Amino acid sequence: MHNFFEGLMEFHFLQNALVSAVVIGAVAGILGCFIILRGMS
């Protein structure tokens, strides 16, 4: 597990990928809850 985080810190594109994945995951979660609560599905 420690090697995984060392790899993330070594390559800049992996840092960008991690940040993008976290942001997209958060936005998708919020948007999904909003859609379900509004009854749009």
C-alpha atoms as a PDB file:
ATOM      1  CA  MET A   1       0.000   0.000   0.000  1.00  0.00           C
ATOM      2  CA  HIS A   2       2.881   2.335   0.783  1.00  0.00           C
ATOM      3  CA  ASN A   3       4.337   1.760  -2.703  1.00  0.00           C
ATOM      4  CA  PHE A   4       1.025   2.842  -4.218  1.00  0.00           C
ATOM      5  CA  PHE A   5       1.213   6.260  -2.569  1.00  0.00           C
ATOM      6  CA  GLU A   6       4.891   6.610  -3.473  1.00  0.00           C
ATOM      7  CA  GLY A   7       3.912   6.033  -7.101  1.00  0.00           C
ATOM      8  CA  LEU A   8       1.255   8.719  -6.856  1.00  0.00           C
ATOM      9  CA  MET A   9       3.759  11.249  -5.570  1.00  0.00           C
ATOM     10  CA  GLU A  10       6.334  10.305  -8.200  1.00  0.00           C
ATOM     11  CA  PHE A  11       4.271  10.977 -11.331  1.00  0.00           C
ATOM     12  CA  HIS A  12       2.406  14.226 -11.884  1.00  0.00           C
ATOM     13  CA  PHE A  13      -0.221  12.680 -14.172  1.00  0.00           C
ATOM     14  CA  LEU A  14      -1.175  10.205 -11.423  1.00  0.00           C
ATOM     15  CA  GLN A  15      -1.748  13.101  -9.032  1.00  0.00           C
ATOM     16  CA  ASN A  16      -4.006  14.720 -11.631  1.00  0.00           C
ATOM     17  CA  ALA A  17      -5.871  11.446 -12.128  1.00  0.00           C
ATOM     18  CA  LEU A  18      -6.417  11.030  -8.383  1.00  0.00           C
ATOM     19  CA  VAL A  19      -7.710  14.583  -7.953  1.00  0.00           C
ATOM     20  CA  SER A  20      -9.981  14.187 -10.981  1.00  0.00           C
ATOM     21  CA  ALA A  21     -11.387  10.899  -9.683  1.00  0.00           C
ATOM     22  CA  VAL A  22     -12.141  12.393  -6.259  1.00  0.00           C
ATOM     23  CA  VAL A  23     -13.836  15.472  -7.737  1.00  0.00           C
ATOM     24  CA  ILE A  24     -15.894  13.454 -10.234  1.00  0.00           C
ATOM     25  CA  GLY A  25     -16.908  11.001  -7.518  1.00  0.00           C
ATOM     26  CA  ALA A  26     -18.058  13.791  -5.216  1.00  0.00           C
ATOM     27  CA  VAL A  27     -20.000  15.589  -7.952  1.00  0.00           C
ATOM     28  CA  ALA A  28     -21.636  12.349  -9.122  1.00  0.00           C
ATOM     29  CA  GLY A  29     -22.682  11.500  -5.569  1.00  0.00           C
ATOM     30  CA  ILE A  30     -24.201  14.908  -4.930  1.00  0.00           C
ATOM     31  CA  LEU A  31     -25.922  15.001  -8.315  1.00  0.00           C
ATOM     32  CA  GLY A  32     -27.267  11.468  -7.871  1.00  0.00           C
ATOM     33  CA  CYS A  33     -28.768  12.306  -4.480  1.00  0.00           C
ATOM     34  CA  PHE A  34     -30.298  15.483  -5.886  1.00  0.00           C
ATOM     35  CA  ILE A  35     -31.881  13.623  -8.807  1.00  0.00           C
ATOM     36  CA  ILE A  36     -33.292  10.874  -6.591  1.00  0.00           C
ATOM     37  CA  LEU A  37     -34.685  13.326  -4.029  1.00  0.00           C
ATOM     38  CA  ARG A  38     -36.284  15.456  -6.744  1.00  0.00           C
ATOM     39  CA  GLY A  39     -37.872  12.356  -8.297  1.00  0.00           C
ATOM     40  CA  MET A  40     -36.367  12.986 -11.715  1.00  0.00           C
ATOM     41  CA  SER A  41     -35.409   9.386 -12.381  1.00  0.00           C
END
